[in-house]
């Protein structure tokens, strides 16, 4: 598998994880958990954007 294809697949996975965090954010009422999930979602989106630039 080419490096570009691997990067594209990994980017899709990172975006899927960010969407999962968004779904969990809507389901939680715990403030610390909410902050953690928001940070994770932002990190996954940032990683996907970095992979897309490569």
PDB file of N, CA and C in Angstrom:
ATOM      1  N   UNK A   1       0.847  -1.178   0.000  1.00  0.00           N
ATOM      2  CA  UNK A   1       0.000   0.000   0.000  1.00  0.00           C
ATOM      3  C   UNK A   1       0.892   1.241   0.000  1.00  0.00           C
ATOM      4  N   UNK A   2       0.528   2.218  -0.775  1.00  0.00           N
ATOM      5  CA  UNK A   2       1.347   3.421  -0.887  1.00  0.00           C
ATOM      6  C   UNK A   2       1.226   4.292   0.371  1.00  0.00           C
ATOM      7  N   UNK A   3       2.203   5.141   0.546  1.00  0.00           N
ATOM      8  CA  UNK A   3       2.220   6.025   1.714  1.00  0.00           C
ATOM      9  C   UNK A   3       1.030   6.982   1.688  1.00  0.00           C
ATOM     10  N   UNK A   4       0.670   7.465   0.495  1.00  0.00           N
ATOM     11  CA  UNK A   4      -0.464   8.389   0.377  1.00  0.00           C
ATOM     12  C   UNK A   4      -1.768   7.701   0.780  1.00  0.00           C
ATOM     13  N   UNK A   5      -1.923   6.448   0.370  1.00  0.00           N
ATOM     14  CA  UNK A   5      -3.139   5.702   0.700  1.00  0.00           C
ATOM     15  C   UNK A   5      -3.228   5.446   2.198  1.00  0.00           C
ATOM     16  N   UNK A   6      -2.093   5.085   2.814  1.00  0.00           N
ATOM     17  CA  UNK A   6      -2.069   4.871   4.266  1.00  0.00           C
ATOM     18  C   UNK A   6      -2.422   6.145   5.006  1.00  0.00           C
ATOM     19  N   UNK A   7      -1.877   7.250   4.539  1.00  0.00           N
ATOM     20  CA  UNK A   7      -2.138   8.539   5.171  1.00  0.00           C
ATOM     21  C   UNK A   7      -3.616   8.908   5.044  1.00  0.00           C
ATOM     22  N   UNK A   8      -4.191   8.640   3.881  1.00  0.00           N
ATOM     23  CA  UNK A   8      -5.613   8.938   3.657  1.00  0.00           C
ATOM     24  C   UNK A   8      -6.486   8.085   4.579  1.00  0.00           C
ATOM     25  N   UNK A   9      -6.162   6.803   4.700  1.00  0.00           N
ATOM     26  CA  UNK A   9      -6.932   5.924   5.582  1.00  0.00           C
ATOM     27  C   UNK A   9      -6.810   6.348   7.034  1.00  0.00           C
ATOM     28  N   UNK A  10      -5.620   6.705   7.452  1.00  0.00           N
ATOM     29  CA  UNK A  10      -5.406   7.138   8.831  1.00  0.00           C
ATOM     30  C   UNK A  10      -6.165   8.437   9.110  1.00  0.00           C
ATOM     31  N   UNK A  11      -6.205   9.319   8.131  1.00  0.00           N
ATOM     32  CA  UNK A  11      -6.954  10.564   8.278  1.00  0.00           C
ATOM     33  C   UNK A  11      -8.445  10.282   8.469  1.00  0.00           C
ATOM     34  N   UNK A  12      -8.968   9.328   7.729  1.00  0.00           N
ATOM     35  CA  UNK A  12     -10.391   8.948   7.869  1.00  0.00           C
ATOM     36  C   UNK A  12     -10.669   8.394   9.260  1.00  0.00           C
ATOM     37  N   UNK A  13      -9.742   7.598   9.770  1.00  0.00           N
ATOM     38  CA  UNK A  13      -9.901   7.030  11.110  1.00  0.00           C
ATOM     39  C   UNK A  13      -9.899   8.135  12.162  1.00  0.00           C
ATOM     40  N   UNK A  14      -8.985   9.085  12.011  1.00  0.00           N
ATOM     41  CA  UNK A  14      -8.907  10.195  12.970  1.00  0.00           C
ATOM     42  C   UNK A  14     -10.208  11.006  12.973  1.00  0.00           C
ATOM     43  N   UNK A  15     -10.774  11.252  11.782  1.00  0.00           N
ATOM     44  CA  UNK A  15     -12.040  11.992  11.704  1.00  0.00           C
ATOM     45  C   UNK A  15     -13.182  11.186  12.317  1.00  0.00           C
ATOM     46  N   UNK A  16     -13.174   9.879  12.134  1.00  0.00           N
ATOM     47  CA  UNK A  16     -14.202   9.030  12.736  1.00  0.00           C
ATOM     48  C   UNK A  16     -14.105   9.065  14.257  1.00  0.00           C
ATOM     49  N   UNK A  17     -12.884   9.075  14.785  1.00  0.00           N
ATOM     50  CA  UNK A  17     -12.704   9.175  16.234  1.00  0.00           C
ATOM     51  C   UNK A  17     -13.190  10.526  16.763  1.00  0.00           C
ATOM     52  N   UNK A  18     -12.954  11.581  16.006  1.00  0.00           N
ATOM     53  CA  UNK A  18     -13.432  12.904  16.407  1.00  0.00           C
ATOM     54  C   UNK A  18     -14.964  12.925  16.438  1.00  0.00           C
ATOM     55  N   UNK A  19     -15.599  12.297  15.459  1.00  0.00           N
ATOM     56  CA  UNK A  19     -17.061  12.228  15.441  1.00  0.00           C
ATOM     57  C   UNK A  19     -17.578  11.418  16.620  1.00  0.00           C
ATOM     58  N   UNK A  20     -16.869  10.348  16.964  1.00  0.00           N
ATOM     59  CA  UNK A  20     -17.256   9.543  18.122  1.00  0.00           C
ATOM     60  C   UNK A  20     -17.202  10.392  19.394  1.00  0.00           C
ATOM     61  N   UNK A  21     -16.149  11.182  19.541  1.00  0.00           N
ATOM     62  CA  UNK A  21     -16.024  12.066  20.708  1.00  0.00           C
ATOM     63  C   UNK A  21     -17.186  13.064  20.738  1.00  0.00           C
ATOM     64  N   UNK A  22     -17.565  13.582  19.573  1.00  0.00           N
ATOM     65  CA  UNK A  22     -18.693  14.524  19.517  1.00  0.00           C
ATOM     66  C   UNK A  22     -19.993  13.869  19.986  1.00  0.00           C
ATOM     67  N   UNK A  23     -20.193  12.627  19.588  1.00  0.00           N
ATOM     68  CA  UNK A  23     -21.397  11.909  20.039  1.00  0.00           C
ATOM     69  C   UNK A  23     -21.369  11.708  21.548  1.00  0.00           C
ATOM     70  N   UNK A  24     -20.206  11.365  22.081  1.00  0.00           N
ATOM     71  CA  UNK A  24     -20.086  11.159  23.526  1.00  0.00           C
ATOM     72  C   UNK A  24     -20.262  12.465  24.294  1.00  0.00           C
ATOM     73  N   UNK A  25     -19.850  13.578  23.696  1.00  0.00           N
ATOM     74  CA  UNK A  25     -20.025  14.887  24.339  1.00  0.00           C
ATOM     75  C   UNK A  25     -21.509  15.161  24.584  1.00  0.00           C
ATOM     76  N   UNK A  26     -22.333  14.819  23.609  1.00  0.00           N
ATOM     77  CA  UNK A  26     -23.776  15.049  23.756  1.00  0.00           C
ATOM     78  C   UNK A  26     -24.401  14.147  24.819  1.00  0.00           C
ATOM     79  N   UNK A  27     -23.744  13.039  25.152  1.00  0.00           N
ATOM     80  CA  UNK A  27     -24.311  12.073  26.088  1.00  0.00           C
ATOM     81  C   UNK A  27     -23.837  12.257  27.525  1.00  0.00           C
ATOM     82  N   UNK A  28     -22.818  13.079  27.748  1.00  0.00           N
ATOM     83  CA  UNK A  28     -22.257  13.197  29.095  1.00  0.00           C
ATOM     84  C   UNK A  28     -22.679  14.504  29.762  1.00  0.00           C
ATOM     85  N   UNK A  29     -22.722  14.430  31.078  1.00  0.00           N
ATOM     86  CA  UNK A  29     -23.026  15.648  31.840  1.00  0.00           C
ATOM     87  C   UNK A  29     -21.863  16.002  32.773  1.00  0.00           C
ATOM     88  N   UNK A  30     -20.856  15.160  32.825  1.00  0.00           N
ATOM     89  CA  UNK A  30     -19.697  15.400  33.666  1.00  0.00           C
ATOM     90  C   UNK A  30     -18.801  16.461  33.026  1.00  0.00           C
ATOM     91  N   UNK A  31     -18.518  17.517  33.753  1.00  0.00           N
ATOM     92  CA  UNK A  31     -17.705  18.612  33.221  1.00  0.00           C
ATOM     93  C   UNK A  31     -16.273  18.164  32.901  1.00  0.00           C
ATOM     94  N   UNK A  32     -15.599  17.419  33.793  1.00  0.00           N
ATOM     95  CA  UNK A  32     -14.241  16.979  33.443  1.00  0.00           C
ATOM     96  C   UNK A  32     -14.232  16.066  32.210  1.00  0.00           C
ATOM     97  N   UNK A  33     -15.201  15.171  32.117  1.00  0.00           N
ATOM     98  CA  UNK A  33     -15.282  14.276  30.954  1.00  0.00           C
ATOM     99  C   UNK A  33     -15.572  15.086  29.685  1.00  0.00           C
ATOM    100  N   UNK A  34     -16.407  16.100  29.813  1.00  0.00           N
ATOM    101  CA  UNK A  34     -16.742  16.965  28.680  1.00  0.00           C
ATOM    102  C   UNK A  34     -15.490  17.671  28.160  1.00  0.00           C
ATOM    103  N   UNK A  35     -14.687  18.207  29.059  1.00  0.00           N
ATOM    104  CA  UNK A  35     -13.445  18.883  28.663  1.00  0.00           C
ATOM    105  C   UNK A  35     -12.484  17.917  27.983  1.00  0.00           C
ATOM    106  N   UNK A  36     -12.361  16.719  28.572  1.00  0.00           N
ATOM    107  CA  UNK A  36     -11.454  15.718  28.010  1.00  0.00           C
ATOM    108  C   UNK A  36     -11.886  15.344  26.588  1.00  0.00           C
ATOM    109  N   UNK A  37     -13.186  15.114  26.391  1.00  0.00           N
ATOM    110  CA  UNK A  37     -13.684  14.720  25.071  1.00  0.00           C
ATOM    111  C   UNK A  37     -13.521  15.843  24.049  1.00  0.00           C
ATOM    112  N   UNK A  38     -13.748  17.082  24.473  1.00  0.00           N
ATOM    113  CA  UNK A  38     -13.563  18.216  23.557  1.00  0.00           C
ATOM    114  C   UNK A  38     -12.108  18.324  23.119  1.00  0.00           C
ATOM    115  N   UNK A  39     -11.189  18.139  24.067  1.00  0.00           N
ATOM    116  CA  UNK A  39      -9.762  18.194  23.744  1.00  0.00           C
ATOM    117  C   UNK A  39      -9.363  17.054  22.816  1.00  0.00           C
ATOM    118  N   UNK A  40      -9.899  15.850  23.077  1.00  0.00           N
ATOM    119  CA  UNK A  40      -9.593  14.705  22.223  1.00  0.00           C
ATOM    120  C   UNK A  40     -10.105  14.928  20.801  1.00  0.00           C
ATOM    121  N   UNK A  41     -11.336  15.427  20.685  1.00  0.00           N
ATOM    122  CA  UNK A  41     -11.918  15.673  19.363  1.00  0.00           C
ATOM    123  C   UNK A  41     -11.080  16.691  18.598  1.00  0.00           C
ATOM    124  N   UNK A  42     -10.670  17.745  19.282  1.00  0.00           N
ATOM    125  CA  UNK A  42      -9.840  18.768  18.629  1.00  0.00           C
ATOM    126  C   UNK A  42      -8.499  18.182  18.201  1.00  0.00           C
ATOM    127  N   UNK A  43      -7.915  17.341  19.047  1.00  0.00           N
ATOM    128  CA  UNK A  43      -6.625  16.729  18.718  1.00  0.00           C
ATOM    129  C   UNK A  43      -6.746  15.795  17.509  1.00  0.00           C
ATOM    130  N   UNK A  44      -7.814  14.991  17.473  1.00  0.00           N
ATOM    131  CA  UNK A  44      -8.009  14.089  16.334  1.00  0.00           C
ATOM    132  C   UNK A  44      -8.207  14.874  15.041  1.00  0.00           C
ATOM    133  N   UNK A  45      -8.959  15.973  15.107  1.00  0.00           N
ATOM    134  CA  UNK A  45      -9.170  16.795  13.904  1.00  0.00           C
ATOM    135  C   UNK A  45      -7.865  17.440  13.438  1.00  0.00           C
ATOM    136  N   UNK A  46      -7.065  17.891  14.390  1.00  0.00           N
ATOM    137  CA  UNK A  46      -5.771  18.500  14.066  1.00  0.00           C
ATOM    138  C   UNK A  46      -4.837  17.462  13.429  1.00  0.00           C
ATOM    139  N   UNK A  47      -4.838  16.248  13.971  1.00  0.00           N
ATOM    140  CA  UNK A  47      -4.010  15.187  13.394  1.00  0.00           C
ATOM    141  C   UNK A  47      -4.473  14.831  11.994  1.00  0.00           C
ATOM    142  N   UNK A  48      -5.779  14.790  11.776  1.00  0.00           N
ATOM    143  CA  UNK A  48      -6.304  14.479  10.426  1.00  0.00           C
ATOM    144  C   UNK A  48      -5.919  15.578   9.442  1.00  0.00           C
ATOM    145  N   UNK A  49      -5.972  16.826   9.884  1.00  0.00           N
ATOM    146  CA  UNK A  49      -5.590  17.939   9.002  1.00  0.00           C
ATOM    147  C   UNK A  49      -4.101  17.869   8.667  1.00  0.00           C
ATOM    148  N   UNK A  50      -3.278  17.507   9.650  1.00  0.00           N
ATOM    149  CA  UNK A  50      -1.840  17.373   9.392  1.00  0.00           C
ATOM    150  C   UNK A  50      -1.569  16.262   8.384  1.00  0.00           C
ATOM    151  N   UNK A  51      -2.285  15.162   8.509  1.00  0.00           N
ATOM    152  CA  UNK A  51      -2.113  14.049   7.578  1.00  0.00           C
ATOM    153  C   UNK A  51      -2.571  14.425   6.177  1.00  0.00           C
ATOM    154  N   UNK A  52      -3.608  15.239   6.077  1.00  0.00           N
ATOM    155  CA  UNK A  52      -4.133  15.641   4.779  1.00  0.00           C
ATOM    156  C   UNK A  52      -3.145  16.560   4.060  1.00  0.00           C
ATOM    157  N   UNK A  53      -2.369  17.334   4.831  1.00  0.00           N
ATOM    158  CA  UNK A  53      -1.390  18.252   4.233  1.00  0.00           C
ATOM    159  C   UNK A  53      -0.184  17.527   3.664  1.00  0.00           C
ATOM    160  N   UNK A  54       0.099  16.333   4.178  1.00  0.00           N
ATOM    161  CA  UNK A  54       1.298  15.606   3.726  1.00  0.00           C
ATOM    162  C   UNK A  54       1.148  15.080   2.326  1.00  0.00           C
TER     163      UNK A  54
END
